[in-house]
PDB file of N, CA and C in Angstrom:
ATOM      1  N   UNK A   1      10.214  11.729-113.310  1.00  0.00           N
ATOM      2  CA  UNK A   1       9.887  10.142-112.936  1.00  0.00           C
ATOM      3  C   UNK A   1      10.719  10.790-111.686  1.00  0.00           C
ATOM      4  N   UNK A   2       9.847  10.822-110.806  1.00  0.00           N
ATOM      5  CA  UNK A   2       9.988  10.533-108.903  1.00  0.00           C
ATOM      6  C   UNK A   2      10.701   9.902-109.412  1.00  0.00           C
ATOM      7  N   UNK A   3      11.599   9.179-107.897  1.00  0.00           N
ATOM      8  CA  UNK A   3      12.045   7.820-107.355  1.00  0.00           C
ATOM      9  C   UNK A   3      12.029   8.216-105.870  1.00  0.00           C
ATOM     10  N   UNK A   4      12.442   6.888-105.092  1.00  0.00           N
ATOM     11  CA  UNK A   4      11.701   5.437-105.498  1.00  0.00           C
ATOM     12  C   UNK A   4      10.742   5.243-105.913  1.00  0.00           C
ATOM     13  N   UNK A   5      10.136   4.076-106.280  1.00  0.00           N
ATOM     14  CA  UNK A   5       8.812   4.165-107.246  1.00  0.00           C
ATOM     15  C   UNK A   5       8.504   2.662-107.375  1.00  0.00           C
ATOM     16  N   UNK A   6       7.171   2.262-106.931  1.00  0.00           N
ATOM     17  CA  UNK A   6       6.794   0.861-107.453  1.00  0.00           C
ATOM     18  C   UNK A   6       5.991   1.369-108.348  1.00  0.00           C
ATOM     19  N   UNK A   7       6.229   0.186-109.246  1.00  0.00           N
ATOM     20  CA  UNK A   7       5.779   0.164-109.762  1.00  0.00           C
ATOM     21  C   UNK A   7       4.954  -0.941-110.609  1.00  0.00           C
ATOM     22  N   UNK A   8       3.549  -0.963-110.988  1.00  0.00           N
ATOM     23  CA  UNK A   8       2.573  -2.363-111.109  1.00  0.00           C
ATOM     24  C   UNK A   8       2.625  -2.833-112.555  1.00  0.00           C
ATOM     25  N   UNK A   9       2.815  -4.118-112.760  1.00  0.00           N
ATOM     26  CA  UNK A   9       2.653  -4.761-114.497  1.00  0.00           C
ATOM     27  C   UNK A   9       2.207  -6.059-114.490  1.00  0.00           C
ATOM     28  N   UNK A  10       1.530  -6.167-115.275  1.00  0.00           N
ATOM     29  CA  UNK A  10       0.996  -6.852-116.163  1.00  0.00           C
ATOM     30  C   UNK A  10       1.935  -7.620-116.826  1.00  0.00           C
ATOM     31  N   UNK A  11       1.850  -9.316-116.606  1.00  0.00           N
ATOM     32  CA  UNK A  11       2.923 -10.844-116.756  1.00  0.00           C
ATOM     33  C   UNK A  11       1.986 -10.267-118.480  1.00  0.00           C
ATOM     34  N   UNK A  12       2.434 -11.506-119.218  1.00  0.00           N
ATOM     35  CA  UNK A  12       1.994 -11.990-120.410  1.00  0.00           C
ATOM     36  C   UNK A  12       1.356 -13.319-119.777  1.00  0.00           C
ATOM     37  N   UNK A  13       1.622 -13.354-118.947  1.00  0.00           N
ATOM     38  CA  UNK A  13       0.314 -14.474-118.459  1.00  0.00           C
ATOM     39  C   UNK A  13      -1.145 -13.905-117.533  1.00  0.00           C
ATOM     40  N   UNK A  14      -1.083 -12.638-117.991  1.00  0.00           N
ATOM     41  CA  UNK A  14      -2.026 -11.990-117.145  1.00  0.00           C
ATOM     42  C   UNK A  14      -2.426 -11.790-115.878  1.00  0.00           C
ATOM     43  N   UNK A  15      -0.838 -11.947-115.024  1.00  0.00           N
ATOM     44  CA  UNK A  15      -0.682 -11.791-113.988  1.00  0.00           C
ATOM     45  C   UNK A  15      -0.094 -10.433-113.306  1.00  0.00           C
ATOM     46  N   UNK A  16       0.065  -9.997-112.287  1.00  0.00           N
ATOM     47  CA  UNK A  16       0.129  -8.710-111.305  1.00  0.00           C
ATOM     48  C   UNK A  16       1.707  -8.628-111.113  1.00  0.00           C
ATOM     49  N   UNK A  17       2.358  -7.953-110.824  1.00  0.00           N
ATOM     50  CA  UNK A  17       3.951  -7.523-110.434  1.00  0.00           C
ATOM     51  C   UNK A  17       3.863  -6.372-110.170  1.00  0.00           C
ATOM     52  N   UNK A  18       5.131  -6.141-108.966  1.00  0.00           N
ATOM     53  CA  UNK A  18       5.280  -4.982-109.263  1.00  0.00           C
ATOM     54  C   UNK A  18       7.274  -5.323-108.859  1.00  0.00           C
ATOM     55  N   UNK A  19       7.432  -3.634-109.705  1.00  0.00           N
ATOM     56  CA  UNK A  19       8.763  -3.565-110.040  1.00  0.00           C
ATOM     57  C   UNK A  19       9.359  -2.305-108.736  1.00  0.00           C
ATOM     58  N   UNK A  20      10.361  -2.388-107.649  1.00  0.00           N
ATOM     59  CA  UNK A  20      10.363  -1.275-106.693  1.00  0.00           C
ATOM     60  C   UNK A  20      11.926  -0.747-107.583  1.00  0.00           C
ATOM     61  N   UNK A  21      11.842   0.555-107.477  1.00  0.00           N
ATOM     62  CA  UNK A  21      13.355   1.541-108.705  1.00  0.00           C
ATOM     63  C   UNK A  21      13.742   1.774-107.316  1.00  0.00           C
ATOM     64  N   UNK A  22      14.942   2.514-107.411  1.00  0.00           N
ATOM     65  CA  UNK A  22      15.292   2.387-106.911  1.00  0.00           C
ATOM     66  C   UNK A  22      15.630   4.301-106.658  1.00  0.00           C
ATOM     67  N   UNK A  23      16.214   5.002-105.504  1.00  0.00           N
ATOM     68  CA  UNK A  23      15.889   6.182-105.516  1.00  0.00           C
ATOM     69  C   UNK A  23      16.967   7.090-105.922  1.00  0.00           C
ATOM     70  N   UNK A  24      18.375   6.542-106.055  1.00  0.00           N
ATOM     71  CA  UNK A  24      19.432   7.441-106.959  1.00  0.00           C
ATOM     72  C   UNK A  24      19.097   6.964-108.231  1.00  0.00           C
ATOM     73  N   UNK A  25      19.232   6.414-108.258  1.00  0.00           N
ATOM     74  CA  UNK A  25      19.611   6.014-110.099  1.00  0.00           C
ATOM     75  C   UNK A  25      18.043   5.269-110.852  1.00  0.00           C
ATOM     76  N   UNK A  26      17.422   4.646-110.259  1.00  0.00           N
ATOM     77  CA  UNK A  26      16.350   4.313-110.422  1.00  0.00           C
ATOM     78  C   UNK A  26      16.126   2.962-111.404  1.00  0.00           C
ATOM     79  N   UNK A  27      17.208   2.888-111.055  1.00  0.00           N
ATOM     80  CA  UNK A  27      17.464   0.936-111.820  1.00  0.00           C
ATOM     81  C   UNK A  27      16.031   0.154-111.082  1.00  0.00           C
ATOM     82  N   UNK A  28      15.740  -0.327-111.404  1.00  0.00           N
ATOM     83  CA  UNK A  28      14.917  -2.432-110.309  1.00  0.00           C
ATOM     84  C   UNK A  28      15.911  -2.806-109.564  1.00  0.00           C
ATOM     85  N   UNK A  29      15.566  -2.359-108.307  1.00  0.00           N
ATOM     86  CA  UNK A  29      15.882  -3.549-106.809  1.00  0.00           C
ATOM     87  C   UNK A  29      15.262  -4.340-106.294  1.00  0.00           C
ATOM     88  N   UNK A  30      14.048  -4.097-107.125  1.00  0.00           N
ATOM     89  CA  UNK A  30      13.410  -6.078-106.424  1.00  0.00           C
ATOM     90  C   UNK A  30      12.287  -6.027-107.632  1.00  0.00           C
ATOM     91  N   UNK A  31      12.000  -7.630-107.622  1.00  0.00           N
ATOM     92  CA  UNK A  31      10.887  -7.637-108.237  1.00  0.00           C
ATOM     93  C   UNK A  31       9.639  -8.886-107.426  1.00  0.00           C
ATOM     94  N   UNK A  32       8.728  -8.178-107.300  1.00  0.00           N
ATOM     95  CA  UNK A  32       8.096  -9.076-106.868  1.00  0.00           C
ATOM     96  C   UNK A  32       7.613 -10.449-107.755  1.00  0.00           C
ATOM     97  N   UNK A  33       6.636 -11.810-106.454  1.00  0.00           N
ATOM     98  CA  UNK A  33       6.269 -12.184-106.960  1.00  0.00           C
ATOM     99  C   UNK A  33       4.790 -12.378-108.117  1.00  0.00           C
ATOM    100  N   UNK A  34       4.181 -13.092-108.927  1.00  0.00           N
ATOM    101  CA  UNK A  34       3.410 -12.298-109.281  1.00  0.00           C
ATOM    102  C   UNK A  34       1.490 -13.188-109.019  1.00  0.00           C
ATOM    103  N   UNK A  35       0.788 -12.253-109.188  1.00  0.00           N
ATOM    104  CA  UNK A  35       0.033 -11.928-107.993  1.00  0.00           C
ATOM    105  C   UNK A  35      -1.920 -12.306-108.855  1.00  0.00           C
ATOM    106  N   UNK A  36      -2.404 -12.838-108.738  1.00  0.00           N
ATOM    107  CA  UNK A  36      -3.654 -12.896-109.514  1.00  0.00           C
ATOM    108  C   UNK A  36      -4.694 -11.848-110.192  1.00  0.00           C
ATOM    109  N   UNK A  37      -4.134 -10.737-108.775  1.00  0.00           N
ATOM    110  CA  UNK A  37      -5.001  -9.459-109.139  1.00  0.00           C
ATOM    111  C   UNK A  37      -4.381  -8.523-108.853  1.00  0.00           C
ATOM    112  N   UNK A  38      -5.082  -7.461-108.524  1.00  0.00           N
ATOM    113  CA  UNK A  38      -4.575  -5.823-109.091  1.00  0.00           C
ATOM    114  C   UNK A  38      -4.188  -5.567-107.498  1.00  0.00           C
ATOM    115  N   UNK A  39      -5.414  -5.680-106.689  1.00  0.00           N
ATOM    116  CA  UNK A  39      -6.077  -5.036-105.235  1.00  0.00           C
ATOM    117  C   UNK A  39      -4.323  -6.594-104.637  1.00  0.00           C
ATOM    118  N   UNK A  40      -4.306  -7.832-104.685  1.00  0.00           N
ATOM    119  CA  UNK A  40      -3.338  -8.416-104.783  1.00  0.00           C
ATOM    120  C   UNK A  40      -2.127  -7.873-104.867  1.00  0.00           C
ATOM    121  N   UNK A  41      -2.386  -7.824-105.547  1.00  0.00           N
ATOM    122  CA  UNK A  41      -0.603  -6.303-106.270  1.00  0.00           C
ATOM    123  C   UNK A  41       0.120  -5.401-104.851  1.00  0.00           C
ATOM    124  N   UNK A  42      -0.785  -4.688-105.235  1.00  0.00           N
ATOM    125  CA  UNK A  42      -0.773  -2.886-103.937  1.00  0.00           C
ATOM    126  C   UNK A  42      -1.243  -3.500-102.515  1.00  0.00           C
ATOM    127  N   UNK A  43      -1.692  -4.986-102.284  1.00  0.00           N
ATOM    128  CA  UNK A  43      -1.213  -5.137-100.550  1.00  0.00           C
ATOM    129  C   UNK A  43      -0.212  -5.875-100.678  1.00  0.00           C
ATOM    130  N   UNK A  44       0.845  -6.533-101.508  1.00  0.00           N
ATOM    131  CA  UNK A  44       1.705  -6.718-101.128  1.00  0.00           C
ATOM    132  C   UNK A  44       2.992  -5.303-101.372  1.00  0.00           C
ATOM    133  N   UNK A  45       3.181  -3.920-102.542  1.00  0.00           N
ATOM    134  CA  UNK A  45       2.679  -3.587-101.698  1.00  0.00           C
ATOM    135  C   UNK A  45       2.948  -2.248-100.194  1.00  0.00           C
ATOM    136  N   UNK A  46       1.816  -2.628-100.541  1.00  0.00           N
ATOM    137  CA  UNK A  46       1.743  -2.679 -98.845  1.00  0.00           C
ATOM    138  C   UNK A  46       2.320  -3.696 -97.670  1.00  0.00           C
ATOM    139  N   UNK A  47       2.418  -4.799 -97.929  1.00  0.00           N
ATOM    140  CA  UNK A  47       2.964  -4.799 -96.864  1.00  0.00           C
ATOM    141  C   UNK A  47       4.510  -4.989 -97.056  1.00  0.00           C
ATOM    142  N   UNK A  48       5.085  -4.235 -97.983  1.00  0.00           N
ATOM    143  CA  UNK A  48       6.625  -4.552 -98.287  1.00  0.00           C
ATOM    144  C   UNK A  48       7.001  -2.577 -97.559  1.00  0.00           C
ATOM    145  N   UNK A  49       5.912  -1.385 -98.099  1.00  0.00           N
ATOM    146  CA  UNK A  49       6.038  -0.577 -96.908  1.00  0.00           C
ATOM    147  C   UNK A  49       6.565  -0.595 -95.426  1.00  0.00           C
ATOM    148  N   UNK A  50       5.469  -1.916 -95.510  1.00  0.00           N
ATOM    149  CA  UNK A  50       5.117  -1.711 -93.712  1.00  0.00           C
ATOM    150  C   UNK A  50       5.812  -2.321 -93.098  1.00  0.00           C
ATOM    151  N   UNK A  51       6.219  -3.352 -93.767  1.00  0.00           N
ATOM    152  CA  UNK A  51       7.221  -4.598 -93.111  1.00  0.00           C
ATOM    153  C   UNK A  51       8.731  -4.682 -92.965  1.00  0.00           C
ATOM    154  N   UNK A  52       9.332  -3.649 -94.619  1.00  0.00           N
ATOM    155  CA  UNK A  52      10.833  -3.650 -94.409  1.00  0.00           C
ATOM    156  C   UNK A  52      11.939  -2.616 -93.748  1.00  0.00           C
ATOM    157  N   UNK A  53      11.326  -1.681 -93.031  1.00  0.00           N
ATOM    158  CA  UNK A  53      11.697  -1.393 -92.338  1.00  0.00           C
ATOM    159  C   UNK A  53      12.058  -1.706 -90.653  1.00  0.00           C
ATOM    160  N   UNK A  54      12.034  -2.972 -91.325  1.00  0.00           N
ATOM    161  CA  UNK A  54      12.223  -4.231 -89.868  1.00  0.00           C
ATOM    162  C   UNK A  54      13.204  -5.160 -89.822  1.00  0.00           C
ATOM    163  N   UNK A  55      13.234  -5.394 -91.833  1.00  0.00           N
ATOM    164  CA  UNK A  55      13.385  -6.728 -92.198  1.00  0.00           C
ATOM    165  C   UNK A  55      15.228  -6.457 -91.738  1.00  0.00           C
ATOM    166  N   UNK A  56      15.442  -8.121 -90.717  1.00  0.00           N
ATOM    167  CA  UNK A  56      16.981  -8.138 -91.109  1.00  0.00           C
ATOM    168  C   UNK A  56      17.377  -9.265 -91.670  1.00  0.00           C
ATOM    169  N   UNK A  57      19.051  -9.163 -92.142  1.00  0.00           N
ATOM    170  CA  UNK A  57      19.404  -9.618 -93.387  1.00  0.00           C
ATOM    171  C   UNK A  57      20.469 -11.146 -92.566  1.00  0.00           C
ATOM    172  N   UNK A  58      19.391 -11.925 -93.243  1.00  0.00           N
ATOM    173  CA  UNK A  58      19.721 -13.501 -93.190  1.00  0.00           C
ATOM    174  C   UNK A  58      20.821 -14.198 -94.379  1.00  0.00           C
ATOM    175  N   UNK A  59      22.200 -13.554 -93.942  1.00  0.00           N
ATOM    176  CA  UNK A  59      23.632 -13.664 -94.735  1.00  0.00           C
ATOM    177  C   UNK A  59      23.700 -15.054 -94.597  1.00  0.00           C
ATOM    178  N   UNK A  60      22.755 -15.858 -95.189  1.00  0.00           N
ATOM    179  CA  UNK A  60      23.219 -18.133 -94.814  1.00  0.00           C
ATOM    180  C   UNK A  60      24.165 -18.455 -96.266  1.00  0.00           C
ATOM    181  N   UNK A  61      25.466 -17.718 -97.060  1.00  0.00           N
ATOM    182  CA  UNK A  61      26.065 -17.743 -97.227  1.00  0.00           C
ATOM    183  C   UNK A  61      27.526 -18.133 -96.826  1.00  0.00           C
ATOM    184  N   UNK A  62      28.411 -19.274 -97.473  1.00  0.00           N
ATOM    185  CA  UNK A  62      29.559 -19.251 -96.505  1.00  0.00           C
ATOM    186  C   UNK A  62      31.203 -18.875 -96.663  1.00  0.00           C
TER     187      UNK A  62
END
C-alpha cells in the first residue's frame, strides 16, 4: 500500500467521506466531512490537494 493516500469510505448512513493517511506510517491524519455523493467527496479531495499547500495555521489556543 502506497502512502500518502486518500481513501474514500461510505458511512453507515450511506454518506461518503475520505480519510487522508500519512506518508510516514500510514496512520489517518485527517477525516473529511460527510458528503451526499461520491463525486462530491472526490471534489473535496481535489480541493484539499489544490488548497492545502497554501493553508495557513490559525492557532487560537491561548
